[in-house]
Amino acid sequence: MHCPACRSELVVVEREGVELDWCPFCRGLWFDSGELEAVEATLGVSFPPLAGERSAGRRPCPRCDKPMDVVSVPGSPALSVDACSQGHGWWFDAGELATLAERDGGTSGDVISFLGEKLRRKS
């Protein structure tokens, strides 16, 4: 699969039984449908819902290559993530998953620890 942001080859990494597709160049993460929920279950956290205004995006889904939607997730800090319009999954640019985790309960440290040193968000 290719990164929807930079088109590099995604690398499959496993963290505590959850497989993630990671871009080693731009540090983005692809979550197939159900994988984000698996991370929540593994960490015992609950991410805020990824619901909000959708608009047509340009980035291709790594699974079906169709353009993904950009979802503006309400709340603070500001967050927009890419979602496959066919339901294949979610794309998070570097740091976006930690931003989502900070919203309700401040669990970003747990998320960053779970992802591991190599997958840490950009400083």
PDB file of N, CA and C in Angstrom:
ATOM      1  N   MET A   1       0.847  -1.169   0.000  1.00  0.00           N
ATOM      2  CA  MET A   1       0.000   0.000   0.000  1.00  0.00           C
ATOM      3  C   MET A   1       0.898   1.239   0.000  1.00  0.00           C
ATOM      4  N   HIS A   2       0.336   2.302  -0.538  1.00  0.00           N
ATOM      5  CA  HIS A   2       1.081   3.550  -0.606  1.00  0.00           C
ATOM      6  C   HIS A   2       0.466   4.617   0.294  1.00  0.00           C
ATOM      7  N   CYS A   3       1.346   5.451   0.819  1.00  0.00           N
ATOM      8  CA  CYS A   3       0.944   6.553   1.676  1.00  0.00           C
ATOM      9  C   CYS A   3       0.098   7.533   0.864  1.00  0.00           C
ATOM     10  N   PRO A   4      -1.073   7.910   1.375  1.00  0.00           N
ATOM     11  CA  PRO A   4      -1.894   8.876   0.656  1.00  0.00           C
ATOM     12  C   PRO A   4      -1.318  10.292   0.678  1.00  0.00           C
ATOM     13  N   ALA A   5      -0.397  10.559   1.585  1.00  0.00           N
ATOM     14  CA  ALA A   5       0.177  11.901   1.691  1.00  0.00           C
ATOM     15  C   ALA A   5       1.399  12.074   0.794  1.00  0.00           C
ATOM     16  N   CYS A   6       2.352  11.128   0.854  1.00  0.00           N
ATOM     17  CA  CYS A   6       3.603  11.288   0.103  1.00  0.00           C
ATOM     18  C   CYS A   6       3.839  10.187  -0.924  1.00  0.00           C
ATOM     19  N   ARG A   7       2.951   9.202  -0.989  1.00  0.00           N
ATOM     20  CA  ARG A   7       2.983   8.095  -1.960  1.00  0.00           C
ATOM     21  C   ARG A   7       4.122   7.108  -1.733  1.00  0.00           C
ATOM     22  N   SER A   8       4.808   7.176  -0.587  1.00  0.00           N
ATOM     23  CA  SER A   8       5.828   6.188  -0.233  1.00  0.00           C
ATOM     24  C   SER A   8       5.143   4.881   0.145  1.00  0.00           C
ATOM     25  N   GLU A   9       5.898   3.825   0.144  1.00  0.00           N
ATOM     26  CA  GLU A   9       5.373   2.521   0.543  1.00  0.00           C
ATOM     27  C   GLU A   9       5.124   2.509   2.048  1.00  0.00           C
ATOM     28  N   LEU A  10       3.935   2.082   2.467  1.00  0.00           N
ATOM     29  CA  LEU A  10       3.626   1.963   3.885  1.00  0.00           C
ATOM     30  C   LEU A  10       4.258   0.701   4.441  1.00  0.00           C
ATOM     31  N   VAL A  11       4.658   0.758   5.703  1.00  0.00           N
ATOM     32  CA  VAL A  11       5.280  -0.359   6.391  1.00  0.00           C
ATOM     33  C   VAL A  11       4.295  -0.884   7.424  1.00  0.00           C
ATOM     34  N   VAL A  12       4.100  -2.201   7.453  1.00  0.00           N
ATOM     35  CA  VAL A  12       3.213  -2.803   8.448  1.00  0.00           C
ATOM     36  C   VAL A  12       4.006  -2.983   9.735  1.00  0.00           C
ATOM     37  N   VAL A  13       3.483  -2.432  10.812  1.00  0.00           N
ATOM     38  CA  VAL A  13       4.086  -2.591  12.131  1.00  0.00           C
ATOM     39  C   VAL A  13       3.038  -3.179  13.066  1.00  0.00           C
ATOM     40  N   GLU A  14       3.490  -3.952  14.032  1.00  0.00           N
ATOM     41  CA  GLU A  14       2.570  -4.531  15.007  1.00  0.00           C
ATOM     42  C   GLU A  14       2.918  -4.011  16.384  1.00  0.00           C
ATOM     43  N   ARG A  15       1.904  -3.548  17.078  1.00  0.00           N
ATOM     44  CA  ARG A  15       2.050  -3.073  18.449  1.00  0.00           C
ATOM     45  C   ARG A  15       0.993  -3.759  19.295  1.00  0.00           C
ATOM     46  N   GLU A  16       1.427  -4.617  20.199  1.00  0.00           N
ATOM     47  CA  GLU A  16       0.528  -5.310  21.124  1.00  0.00           C
ATOM     48  C   GLU A  16      -0.637  -5.987  20.406  1.00  0.00           C
ATOM     49  N   GLY A  17      -0.322  -6.660  19.306  1.00  0.00           N
ATOM     50  CA  GLY A  17      -1.322  -7.427  18.579  1.00  0.00           C
ATOM     51  C   GLY A  17      -2.147  -6.627  17.590  1.00  0.00           C
ATOM     52  N   VAL A  18      -1.908  -5.331  17.468  1.00  0.00           N
ATOM     53  CA  VAL A  18      -2.650  -4.489  16.524  1.00  0.00           C
ATOM     54  C   VAL A  18      -1.708  -4.127  15.379  1.00  0.00           C
ATOM     55  N   GLU A  19      -2.106  -4.462  14.153  1.00  0.00           N
ATOM     56  CA  GLU A  19      -1.309  -4.106  12.991  1.00  0.00           C
ATOM     57  C   GLU A  19      -1.670  -2.712  12.505  1.00  0.00           C
ATOM     58  N   LEU A  20      -0.646  -1.921  12.257  1.00  0.00           N
ATOM     59  CA  LEU A  20      -0.827  -0.572  11.738  1.00  0.00           C
ATOM     60  C   LEU A  20       0.006  -0.422  10.477  1.00  0.00           C
ATOM     61  N   ASP A  21      -0.441   0.433   9.578  1.00  0.00           N
ATOM     62  CA  ASP A  21       0.313   0.753   8.375  1.00  0.00           C
ATOM     63  C   ASP A  21       0.884   2.145   8.577  1.00  0.00           C
ATOM     64  N   TRP A  22       2.201   2.249   8.549  1.00  0.00           N
ATOM     65  CA  TRP A  22       2.921   3.451   8.922  1.00  0.00           C
ATOM     66  C   TRP A  22       3.794   3.924   7.774  1.00  0.00           C
ATOM     67  N   CYS A  23       3.860   5.229   7.584  1.00  0.00           N
ATOM     68  CA  CYS A  23       4.751   5.802   6.585  1.00  0.00           C
ATOM     69  C   CYS A  23       6.019   6.272   7.295  1.00  0.00           C
ATOM     70  N   PRO A  24       7.164   5.658   7.002  1.00  0.00           N
ATOM     71  CA  PRO A  24       8.405   6.064   7.666  1.00  0.00           C
ATOM     72  C   PRO A  24       8.930   7.425   7.199  1.00  0.00           C
ATOM     73  N   PHE A  25       8.368   7.959   6.129  1.00  0.00           N
ATOM     74  CA  PHE A  25       8.844   9.238   5.605  1.00  0.00           C
ATOM     75  C   PHE A  25       8.071  10.419   6.175  1.00  0.00           C
ATOM     76  N   CYS A  26       6.738  10.374   6.125  1.00  0.00           N
ATOM     77  CA  CYS A  26       5.952  11.500   6.659  1.00  0.00           C
ATOM     78  C   CYS A  26       5.340  11.179   8.022  1.00  0.00           C
ATOM     79  N   ARG A  27       5.518   9.934   8.489  1.00  0.00           N
ATOM     80  CA  ARG A  27       5.078   9.473   9.811  1.00  0.00           C
ATOM     81  C   ARG A  27       3.562   9.401   9.985  1.00  0.00           C
ATOM     82  N   GLY A  28       2.848   9.302   8.886  1.00  0.00           N
ATOM     83  CA  GLY A  28       1.405   9.133   8.961  1.00  0.00           C
ATOM     84  C   GLY A  28       1.037   7.699   9.285  1.00  0.00           C
ATOM     85  N   LEU A  29      -0.211   7.493   9.693  1.00  0.00           N
ATOM     86  CA  LEU A  29      -0.722   6.163  10.057  1.00  0.00           C
ATOM     87  C   LEU A  29      -2.036   5.876   9.346  1.00  0.00           C
ATOM     88  N   TRP A  30      -2.150   4.685   8.808  1.00  0.00           N
ATOM     89  CA  TRP A  30      -3.401   4.212   8.227  1.00  0.00           C
ATOM     90  C   TRP A  30      -4.001   3.174   9.165  1.00  0.00           C
ATOM     91  N   PHE A  31      -5.275   3.359   9.474  1.00  0.00           N
ATOM     92  CA  PHE A  31      -6.028   2.406  10.280  1.00  0.00           C
ATOM     93  C   PHE A  31      -7.114   1.805   9.408  1.00  0.00           C
ATOM     94  N   ASP A  32      -7.020   0.495   9.139  1.00  0.00           N
ATOM     95  CA  ASP A  32      -8.113  -0.182   8.452  1.00  0.00           C
ATOM     96  C   ASP A  32      -9.336  -0.121   9.351  1.00  0.00           C
ATOM     97  N   SER A  33     -10.496  -0.316   8.745  1.00  0.00           N
ATOM     98  CA  SER A  33     -11.738  -0.318   9.500  1.00  0.00           C
ATOM     99  C   SER A  33     -11.619  -1.282  10.686  1.00  0.00           C
ATOM    100  N   GLY A  34     -11.914  -0.796  11.876  1.00  0.00           N
ATOM    101  CA  GLY A  34     -11.868  -1.610  13.090  1.00  0.00           C
ATOM    102  C   GLY A  34     -10.556  -1.541  13.852  1.00  0.00           C
ATOM    103  N   GLU A  35      -9.474  -1.092  13.211  1.00  0.00           N
ATOM    104  CA  GLU A  35      -8.179  -1.054  13.907  1.00  0.00           C
ATOM    105  C   GLU A  35      -8.110   0.055  14.950  1.00  0.00           C
ATOM    106  N   LEU A  36      -8.751   1.172  14.689  1.00  0.00           N
ATOM    107  CA  LEU A  36      -8.761   2.249  15.678  1.00  0.00           C
ATOM    108  C   LEU A  36      -9.475   1.787  16.947  1.00  0.00           C
ATOM    109  N   GLU A  37     -10.544   1.039  16.787  1.00  0.00           N
ATOM    110  CA  GLU A  37     -11.266   0.486  17.925  1.00  0.00           C
ATOM    111  C   GLU A  37     -10.400  -0.528  18.673  1.00  0.00           C
ATOM    112  N   ALA A  38      -9.569  -1.274  17.944  1.00  0.00           N
ATOM    113  CA  ALA A  38      -8.659  -2.237  18.575  1.00  0.00           C
ATOM    114  C   ALA A  38      -7.624  -1.511  19.434  1.00  0.00           C
ATOM    115  N   VAL A  39      -7.132  -0.365  18.975  1.00  0.00           N
ATOM    116  CA  VAL A  39      -6.196   0.433  19.770  1.00  0.00           C
ATOM    117  C   VAL A  39      -6.896   0.923  21.035  1.00  0.00           C
ATOM    118  N   GLU A  40      -8.131   1.392  20.908  1.00  0.00           N
ATOM    119  CA  GLU A  40      -8.890   1.840  22.083  1.00  0.00           C
ATOM    120  C   GLU A  40      -9.024   0.708  23.100  1.00  0.00           C
ATOM    121  N   ALA A  41      -9.365  -0.480  22.619  1.00  0.00           N
ATOM    122  CA  ALA A  41      -9.543  -1.620  23.516  1.00  0.00           C
ATOM    123  C   ALA A  41      -8.225  -2.018  24.175  1.00  0.00           C
ATOM    124  N   THR A  42      -7.149  -2.007  23.420  1.00  0.00           N
ATOM    125  CA  THR A  42      -5.841  -2.379  23.950  1.00  0.00           C
ATOM    126  C   THR A  42      -5.387  -1.413  25.029  1.00  0.00           C
ATOM    127  N   LEU A  43      -5.600  -0.110  24.802  1.00  0.00           N
ATOM    128  CA  LEU A  43      -5.162   0.908  25.750  1.00  0.00           C
ATOM    129  C   LEU A  43      -6.177   1.193  26.845  1.00  0.00           C
ATOM    130  N   GLY A  44      -7.420   0.741  26.650  1.00  0.00           N
ATOM    131  CA  GLY A  44      -8.471   1.056  27.611  1.00  0.00           C
ATOM    132  C   GLY A  44      -8.854   2.519  27.580  1.00  0.00           C
ATOM    133  N   VAL A  45      -8.784   3.120  26.388  1.00  0.00           N
ATOM    134  CA  VAL A  45      -9.153   4.525  26.223  1.00  0.00           C
ATOM    135  C   VAL A  45     -10.314   4.617  25.242  1.00  0.00           C
ATOM    136  N   SER A  46     -10.901   5.776  25.186  1.00  0.00           N
ATOM    137  CA  SER A  46     -11.976   6.021  24.238  1.00  0.00           C
ATOM    138  C   SER A  46     -11.688   7.332  23.527  1.00  0.00           C
ATOM    139  N   PHE A  47     -11.442   7.251  22.226  1.00  0.00           N
ATOM    140  CA  PHE A  47     -11.222   8.455  21.439  1.00  0.00           C
ATOM    141  C   PHE A  47     -12.550   9.155  21.190  1.00  0.00           C
ATOM    142  N   PRO A  48     -12.526  10.479  21.074  1.00  0.00           N
ATOM    143  CA  PRO A  48     -13.752  11.186  20.687  1.00  0.00           C
ATOM    144  C   PRO A  48     -14.211  10.698  19.313  1.00  0.00           C
ATOM    145  N   PRO A  49     -15.506  10.762  19.038  1.00  0.00           N
ATOM    146  CA  PRO A  49     -16.010  10.283  17.751  1.00  0.00           C
ATOM    147  C   PRO A  49     -15.412  11.060  16.584  1.00  0.00           C
ATOM    148  N   LEU A  50     -15.098  10.323  15.539  1.00  0.00           N
ATOM    149  CA  LEU A  50     -14.591  10.944  14.308  1.00  0.00           C
ATOM    150  C   LEU A  50     -15.773  11.285  13.419  1.00  0.00           C
ATOM    151  N   ALA A  51     -16.522  12.250  13.864  1.00  0.00           N
ATOM    152  CA  ALA A  51     -17.696  12.691  13.120  1.00  0.00           C
ATOM    153  C   ALA A  51     -17.597  14.195  12.962  1.00  0.00           C
ATOM    154  N   GLY A  52     -18.042  14.665  11.853  1.00  0.00           N
ATOM    155  CA  GLY A  52     -18.003  16.092  11.598  1.00  0.00           C
ATOM    156  C   GLY A  52     -18.300  16.352  10.142  1.00  0.00           C
ATOM    157  N   GLU A  53     -18.133  17.582   9.762  1.00  0.00           N
ATOM    158  CA  GLU A  53     -18.399  17.970   8.379  1.00  0.00           C
ATOM    159  C   GLU A  53     -17.402  17.288   7.457  1.00  0.00           C
ATOM    160  N   ARG A  54     -17.936  16.705   6.382  1.00  0.00           N
ATOM    161  CA  ARG A  54     -17.095  16.027   5.395  1.00  0.00           C
ATOM    162  C   ARG A  54     -17.029  16.852   4.121  1.00  0.00           C
ATOM    163  N   SER A  55     -15.847  16.878   3.551  1.00  0.00           N
ATOM    164  CA  SER A  55     -15.685  17.521   2.251  1.00  0.00           C
ATOM    165  C   SER A  55     -14.810  16.620   1.390  1.00  0.00           C
ATOM    166  N   ALA A  56     -14.926  16.796   0.089  1.00  0.00           N
ATOM    167  CA  ALA A  56     -14.158  15.967  -0.839  1.00  0.00           C
ATOM    168  C   ALA A  56     -12.681  16.301  -0.700  1.00  0.00           C
ATOM    169  N   GLY A  57     -11.876  15.266  -0.604  1.00  0.00           N
ATOM    170  CA  GLY A  57     -10.432  15.440  -0.520  1.00  0.00           C
ATOM    171  C   GLY A  57      -9.761  14.948  -1.785  1.00  0.00           C
ATOM    172  N   ARG A  58      -8.453  15.076  -1.816  1.00  0.00           N
ATOM    173  CA  ARG A  58      -7.670  14.644  -2.972  1.00  0.00           C
ATOM    174  C   ARG A  58      -6.863  13.390  -2.712  1.00  0.00           C
ATOM    175  N   ARG A  59      -6.584  13.120  -1.457  1.00  0.00           N
ATOM    176  CA  ARG A  59      -5.726  11.986  -1.152  1.00  0.00           C
ATOM    177  C   ARG A  59      -6.425  10.663  -1.470  1.00  0.00           C
ATOM    178  N   PRO A  60      -5.687   9.725  -2.074  1.00  0.00           N
ATOM    179  CA  PRO A  60      -6.293   8.438  -2.402  1.00  0.00           C
ATOM    180  C   PRO A  60      -6.283   7.483  -1.206  1.00  0.00           C
ATOM    181  N   CYS A  61      -7.316   6.709  -1.084  1.00  0.00           N
ATOM    182  CA  CYS A  61      -7.378   5.670  -0.061  1.00  0.00           C
ATOM    183  C   CYS A  61      -6.300   4.630  -0.368  1.00  0.00           C
ATOM    184  N   PRO A  62      -5.518   4.215   0.637  1.00  0.00           N
ATOM    185  CA  PRO A  62      -4.508   3.189   0.388  1.00  0.00           C
ATOM    186  C   PRO A  62      -5.094   1.844  -0.028  1.00  0.00           C
ATOM    187  N   ARG A  63      -6.350   1.588   0.299  1.00  0.00           N
ATOM    188  CA  ARG A  63      -6.991   0.316  -0.048  1.00  0.00           C
ATOM    189  C   ARG A  63      -7.629   0.321  -1.440  1.00  0.00           C
ATOM    190  N   CYS A  64      -8.456   1.336  -1.713  1.00  0.00           N
ATOM    191  CA  CYS A  64      -9.227   1.320  -2.966  1.00  0.00           C
ATOM    192  C   CYS A  64      -8.790   2.381  -3.967  1.00  0.00           C
ATOM    193  N   ASP A  65      -7.898   3.282  -3.564  1.00  0.00           N
ATOM    194  CA  ASP A  65      -7.344   4.339  -4.406  1.00  0.00           C
ATOM    195  C   ASP A  65      -8.358   5.413  -4.804  1.00  0.00           C
ATOM    196  N   LYS A  66      -9.554   5.379  -4.230  1.00  0.00           N
ATOM    197  CA  LYS A  66     -10.543   6.432  -4.494  1.00  0.00           C
ATOM    198  C   LYS A  66     -10.251   7.616  -3.574  1.00  0.00           C
ATOM    199  N   PRO A  67     -10.611   8.833  -4.009  1.00  0.00           N
ATOM    200  CA  PRO A  67     -10.346   9.998  -3.152  1.00  0.00           C
ATOM    201  C   PRO A  67     -11.073   9.876  -1.805  1.00  0.00           C
ATOM    202  N   MET A  68     -10.337  10.188  -0.753  1.00  0.00           N
ATOM    203  CA  MET A  68     -10.920  10.147   0.586  1.00  0.00           C
ATOM    204  C   MET A  68     -11.602  11.465   0.898  1.00  0.00           C
ATOM    205  N   ASP A  69     -12.484  11.426   1.900  1.00  0.00           N
ATOM    206  CA  ASP A  69     -13.123  12.625   2.419  1.00  0.00           C
ATOM    207  C   ASP A  69     -12.233  13.232   3.484  1.00  0.00           C
ATOM    208  N   VAL A  70     -12.303  14.544   3.629  1.00  0.00           N
ATOM    209  CA  VAL A  70     -11.648  15.234   4.743  1.00  0.00           C
ATOM    210  C   VAL A  70     -12.734  15.475   5.784  1.00  0.00           C
ATOM    211  N   VAL A  71     -12.511  14.964   6.987  1.00  0.00           N
ATOM    212  CA  VAL A  71     -13.483  15.100   8.070  1.00  0.00           C
ATOM    213  C   VAL A  71     -12.954  16.129   9.062  1.00  0.00           C
ATOM    214  N   SER A  72     -13.691  17.221   9.209  1.00  0.00           N
ATOM    215  CA  SER A  72     -13.354  18.249  10.194  1.00  0.00           C
ATOM    216  C   SER A  72     -13.999  17.852  11.515  1.00  0.00           C
ATOM    217  N   VAL A  73     -13.188  17.344  12.419  1.00  0.00           N
ATOM    218  CA  VAL A  73     -13.687  16.851  13.697  1.00  0.00           C
ATOM    219  C   VAL A  73     -13.851  18.037  14.636  1.00  0.00           C
ATOM    220  N   PRO A  74     -15.083  18.308  15.115  1.00  0.00           N
ATOM    221  CA  PRO A  74     -15.295  19.462  15.980  1.00  0.00           C
ATOM    222  C   PRO A  74     -14.541  19.336  17.298  1.00  0.00           C
ATOM    223  N   GLY A  75     -14.177  20.471  17.857  1.00  0.00           N
ATOM    224  CA  GLY A  75     -13.503  20.498  19.144  1.00  0.00           C
ATOM    225  C   GLY A  75     -12.204  21.269  19.075  1.00  0.00           C
ATOM    226  N   SER A  76     -11.534  21.268  20.205  1.00  0.00           N
ATOM    227  CA  SER A  76     -10.263  21.973  20.293  1.00  0.00           C
ATOM    228  C   SER A  76      -9.241  21.023  20.899  1.00  0.00           C
ATOM    229  N   PRO A  77      -8.051  20.931  20.367  1.00  0.00           N
ATOM    230  CA  PRO A  77      -7.516  21.671  19.236  1.00  0.00           C
ATOM    231  C   PRO A  77      -8.123  21.231  17.913  1.00  0.00           C
ATOM    232  N   ALA A  78      -7.970  22.081  16.894  1.00  0.00           N
ATOM    233  CA  ALA A  78      -8.529  21.811  15.571  1.00  0.00           C
ATOM    234  C   ALA A  78      -7.954  20.501  15.018  1.00  0.00           C
ATOM    235  N   LEU A  79      -8.803  19.768  14.303  1.00  0.00           N
ATOM    236  CA  LEU A  79      -8.374  18.490  13.742  1.00  0.00           C
ATOM    237  C   LEU A  79      -9.187  18.158  12.504  1.00  0.00           C
ATOM    238  N   SER A  80      -8.497  17.790  11.455  1.00  0.00           N
ATOM    239  CA  SER A  80      -9.122  17.259  10.238  1.00  0.00           C
ATOM    240  C   SER A  80      -8.383  15.985   9.878  1.00  0.00           C
ATOM    241  N   VAL A  81      -9.115  14.907   9.633  1.00  0.00           N
ATOM    242  CA  VAL A  81      -8.503  13.636   9.253  1.00  0.00           C
ATOM    243  C   VAL A  81      -9.128  13.164   7.943  1.00  0.00           C
ATOM    244  N   ASP A  82      -8.444  12.246   7.294  1.00  0.00           N
ATOM    245  CA  ASP A  82      -8.931  11.700   6.029  1.00  0.00           C
ATOM    246  C   ASP A  82      -9.631  10.376   6.279  1.00  0.00           C
ATOM    247  N   ALA A  83     -10.783  10.196   5.632  1.00  0.00           N
ATOM    248  CA  ALA A  83     -11.566   8.981   5.788  1.00  0.00           C
ATOM    249  C   ALA A  83     -11.934   8.434   4.421  1.00  0.00           C
ATOM    250  N   CYS A  84     -11.764   7.138   4.239  1.00  0.00           N
ATOM    251  CA  CYS A  84     -12.172   6.513   2.984  1.00  0.00           C
ATOM    252  C   CYS A  84     -13.681   6.625   2.845  1.00  0.00           C
ATOM    253  N   SER A  85     -14.125   7.128   1.719  1.00  0.00           N
ATOM    254  CA  SER A  85     -15.565   7.279   1.487  1.00  0.00           C
ATOM    255  C   SER A  85     -16.249   5.923   1.333  1.00  0.00           C
ATOM    256  N   GLN A  86     -15.466   4.862   1.115  1.00  0.00           N
ATOM    257  CA  GLN A  86     -16.009   3.510   0.983  1.00  0.00           C
ATOM    258  C   GLN A  86     -15.980   2.745   2.312  1.00  0.00           C
ATOM    259  N   GLY A  87     -15.463   3.408   3.370  1.00  0.00           N
ATOM    260  CA  GLY A  87     -15.439   2.798   4.697  1.00  0.00           C
ATOM    261  C   GLY A  87     -14.230   1.915   4.973  1.00  0.00           C
ATOM    262  N   HIS A  88     -13.169   2.026   4.174  1.00  0.00           N
ATOM    263  CA  HIS A  88     -12.005   1.164   4.372  1.00  0.00           C
ATOM    264  C   HIS A  88     -11.135   1.567   5.557  1.00  0.00           C
ATOM    265  N   GLY A  89     -11.190   2.824   5.970  1.00  0.00           N
ATOM    266  CA  GLY A  89     -10.382   3.212   7.119  1.00  0.00           C
ATOM    267  C   GLY A  89     -10.133   4.699   7.215  1.00  0.00           C
ATOM    268  N   TRP A  90      -9.119   5.035   8.053  1.00  0.00           N
ATOM    269  CA  TRP A  90      -8.788   6.417   8.401  1.00  0.00           C
ATOM    270  C   TRP A  90      -7.305   6.667   8.216  1.00  0.00           C
ATOM    271  N   TRP A  91      -6.956   7.852   7.735  1.00  0.00           N
ATOM    272  CA  TRP A  91      -5.567   8.280   7.632  1.00  0.00           C
ATOM    273  C   TRP A  91      -5.319   9.412   8.616  1.00  0.00           C
ATOM    274  N   PHE A  92      -4.264   9.262   9.421  1.00  0.00           N
ATOM    275  CA  PHE A  92      -3.844  10.284  10.366  1.00  0.00           C
ATOM    276  C   PHE A  92      -2.453  10.765   9.970  1.00  0.00           C
ATOM    277  N   ASP A  93      -2.315  12.059   9.706  1.00  0.00           N
ATOM    278  CA  ASP A  93      -0.994  12.633   9.497  1.00  0.00           C
ATOM    279  C   ASP A  93      -0.245  12.594  10.826  1.00  0.00           C
ATOM    280  N   ALA A  94       1.078  12.788  10.777  1.00  0.00           N
ATOM    281  CA  ALA A  94       1.893  12.766  11.992  1.00  0.00           C
ATOM    282  C   ALA A  94       1.310  13.714  13.045  1.00  0.00           C
ATOM    283  N   GLY A  95       1.125  13.199  14.242  1.00  0.00           N
ATOM    284  CA  GLY A  95       0.633  14.004  15.355  1.00  0.00           C
ATOM    285  C   GLY A  95      -0.872  14.077  15.490  1.00  0.00           C
ATOM    286  N   GLU A  96      -1.617  13.710  14.453  1.00  0.00           N
ATOM    287  CA  GLU A  96      -3.077  13.848  14.527  1.00  0.00           C
ATOM    288  C   GLU A  96      -3.715  12.861  15.505  1.00  0.00           C
ATOM    289  N   LEU A  97      -3.177  11.654  15.612  1.00  0.00           N
ATOM    290  CA  LEU A  97      -3.752  10.699  16.557  1.00  0.00           C
ATOM    291  C   LEU A  97      -3.539  11.180  17.993  1.00  0.00           C
ATOM    292  N   ALA A  98      -2.358  11.733  18.276  1.00  0.00           N
ATOM    293  CA  ALA A  98      -2.103  12.284  19.608  1.00  0.00           C
ATOM    294  C   ALA A  98      -3.023  13.473  19.880  1.00  0.00           C
ATOM    295  N   THR A  99      -3.273  14.293  18.859  1.00  0.00           N
ATOM    296  CA  THR A  99      -4.202  15.420  19.006  1.00  0.00           C
ATOM    297  C   THR A  99      -5.594  14.920  19.346  1.00  0.00           C
ATOM    298  N   LEU A 100      -6.033  13.873  18.665  1.00  0.00           N
ATOM    299  CA  LEU A 100      -7.343  13.288  18.960  1.00  0.00           C
ATOM    300  C   LEU A 100      -7.379  12.768  20.392  1.00  0.00           C
ATOM    301  N   ALA A 101      -6.316  12.111  20.820  1.00  0.00           N
ATOM    302  CA  ALA A 101      -6.269  11.545  22.166  1.00  0.00           C
ATOM    303  C   ALA A 101      -6.274  12.624  23.243  1.00  0.00           C
ATOM    304  N   GLU A 102      -5.744  13.803  22.934  1.00  0.00           N
ATOM    305  CA  GLU A 102      -5.706  14.898  23.908  1.00  0.00           C
ATOM    306  C   GLU A 102      -7.085  15.478  24.192  1.00  0.00           C
ATOM    307  N   ARG A 103      -8.015  15.267  23.314  1.00  0.00           N
ATOM    308  CA  ARG A 103      -9.312  15.935  23.411  1.00  0.00           C
ATOM    309  C   ARG A 103     -10.110  15.556  24.645  1.00  0.00           C
ATOM    310  N   ASP A 104     -10.349  14.286  24.868  1.00  0.00           N
ATOM    311  CA  ASP A 104     -11.163  13.847  26.012  1.00  0.00           C
ATOM    312  C   ASP A 104     -10.321  12.962  26.918  1.00  0.00           C
ATOM    313  N   GLY A 105      -9.799  13.538  27.961  1.00  0.00           N
ATOM    314  CA  GLY A 105      -9.083  12.733  28.930  1.00  0.00           C
ATOM    315  C   GLY A 105      -7.578  12.822  28.860  1.00  0.00           C
ATOM    316  N   GLY A 106      -7.037  13.465  27.854  1.00  0.00           N
ATOM    317  CA  GLY A 106      -5.601  13.668  27.801  1.00  0.00           C
ATOM    318  C   GLY A 106      -4.789  12.399  27.767  1.00  0.00           C
ATOM    319  N   THR A 107      -5.140  11.439  26.924  1.00  0.00           N
ATOM    320  CA  THR A 107      -4.444  10.151  26.872  1.00  0.00           C
ATOM    321  C   THR A 107      -3.340  10.117  25.827  1.00  0.00           C
ATOM    322  N   SER A 108      -2.880  11.260  25.340  1.00  0.00           N
ATOM    323  CA  SER A 108      -1.903  11.258  24.254  1.00  0.00           C
ATOM    324  C   SER A 108      -0.606  10.563  24.648  1.00  0.00           C
ATOM    325  N   GLY A 109      -0.196  10.669  25.910  1.00  0.00           N
ATOM    326  CA  GLY A 109       1.017   9.979  26.348  1.00  0.00           C
ATOM    327  C   GLY A 109       0.887   8.478  26.214  1.00  0.00           C
ATOM    328  N   ASP A 110      -0.279   7.922  26.568  1.00  0.00           N
ATOM    329  CA  ASP A 110      -0.525   6.492  26.417  1.00  0.00           C
ATOM    330  C   ASP A 110      -0.474   6.090  24.947  1.00  0.00           C
ATOM    331  N   VAL A 111      -1.054   6.913  24.097  1.00  0.00           N
ATOM    332  CA  VAL A 111      -1.078   6.612  22.669  1.00  0.00           C
ATOM    333  C   VAL A 111       0.329   6.650  22.099  1.00  0.00           C
ATOM    334  N   ILE A 112       1.097   7.670  22.441  1.00  0.00           N
ATOM    335  CA  ILE A 112       2.459   7.786  21.929  1.00  0.00           C
ATOM    336  C   ILE A 112       3.315   6.628  22.437  1.00  0.00           C
ATOM    337  N   SER A 113       3.161   6.249  23.699  1.00  0.00           N
ATOM    338  CA  SER A 113       3.897   5.100  24.230  1.00  0.00           C
ATOM    339  C   SER A 113       3.514   3.825  23.500  1.00  0.00           C
ATOM    340  N   PHE A 114       2.226   3.655  23.229  1.00  0.00           N
ATOM    341  CA  PHE A 114       1.741   2.478  22.519  1.00  0.00           C
ATOM    342  C   PHE A 114       2.351   2.390  21.126  1.00  0.00           C
ATOM    343  N   LEU A 115       2.410   3.526  20.442  1.00  0.00           N
ATOM    344  CA  LEU A 115       2.918   3.525  19.083  1.00  0.00           C
ATOM    345  C   LEU A 115       4.410   3.260  19.030  1.00  0.00           C
ATOM    346  N   GLY A 116       5.122   3.534  20.078  1.00  0.00           N
ATOM    347  CA  GLY A 116       6.541   3.236  20.129  1.00  0.00           C
ATOM    348  C   GLY A 116       7.408   4.400  19.714  1.00  0.00           C
ATOM    349  N   GLU A 117       8.653   4.303  20.044  1.00  0.00           N
ATOM    350  CA  GLU A 117       9.613   5.373  19.798  1.00  0.00           C
ATOM    351  C   GLU A 117       9.664   5.772  18.327  1.00  0.00           C
ATOM    352  N   LYS A 118       9.694   4.818  17.419  1.00  0.00           N
ATOM    353  CA  LYS A 118       9.829   5.130  16.003  1.00  0.00           C
ATOM    354  C   LYS A 118       8.585   5.791  15.422  1.00  0.00           C
ATOM    355  N   LEU A 119       7.441   5.582  16.059  1.00  0.00           N
ATOM    356  CA  LEU A 119       6.202   6.107  15.516  1.00  0.00           C
ATOM    357  C   LEU A 119       5.759   7.379  16.213  1.00  0.00           C
ATOM    358  N   ARG A 120       6.593   7.929  17.060  1.00  0.00           N
ATOM    359  CA  ARG A 120       6.237   9.162  17.767  1.00  0.00           C
ATOM    360  C   ARG A 120       5.921  10.276  16.821  1.00  0.00           C
ATOM    361  N   ARG A 121       5.026  11.152  17.249  1.00  0.00           N
ATOM    362  CA  ARG A 121       4.692  12.298  16.408  1.00  0.00           C
ATOM    363  C   ARG A 121       5.905  13.195  16.272  1.00  0.00           C
ATOM    364  N   LYS A 122       5.905  13.972  15.207  1.00  0.00           N
ATOM    365  CA  LYS A 122       7.014  14.897  14.959  1.00  0.00           C
ATOM    366  C   LYS A 122       7.073  15.936  16.055  1.00  0.00           C
ATOM    367  N   SER A 123       8.276  16.312  16.439  1.00  0.00           N
ATOM    368  CA  SER A 123       8.448  17.355  17.461  1.00  0.00           C
ATOM    369  C   SER A 123       8.450  18.713  16.826  1.00  0.00           C
TER     370      SER A 123
END
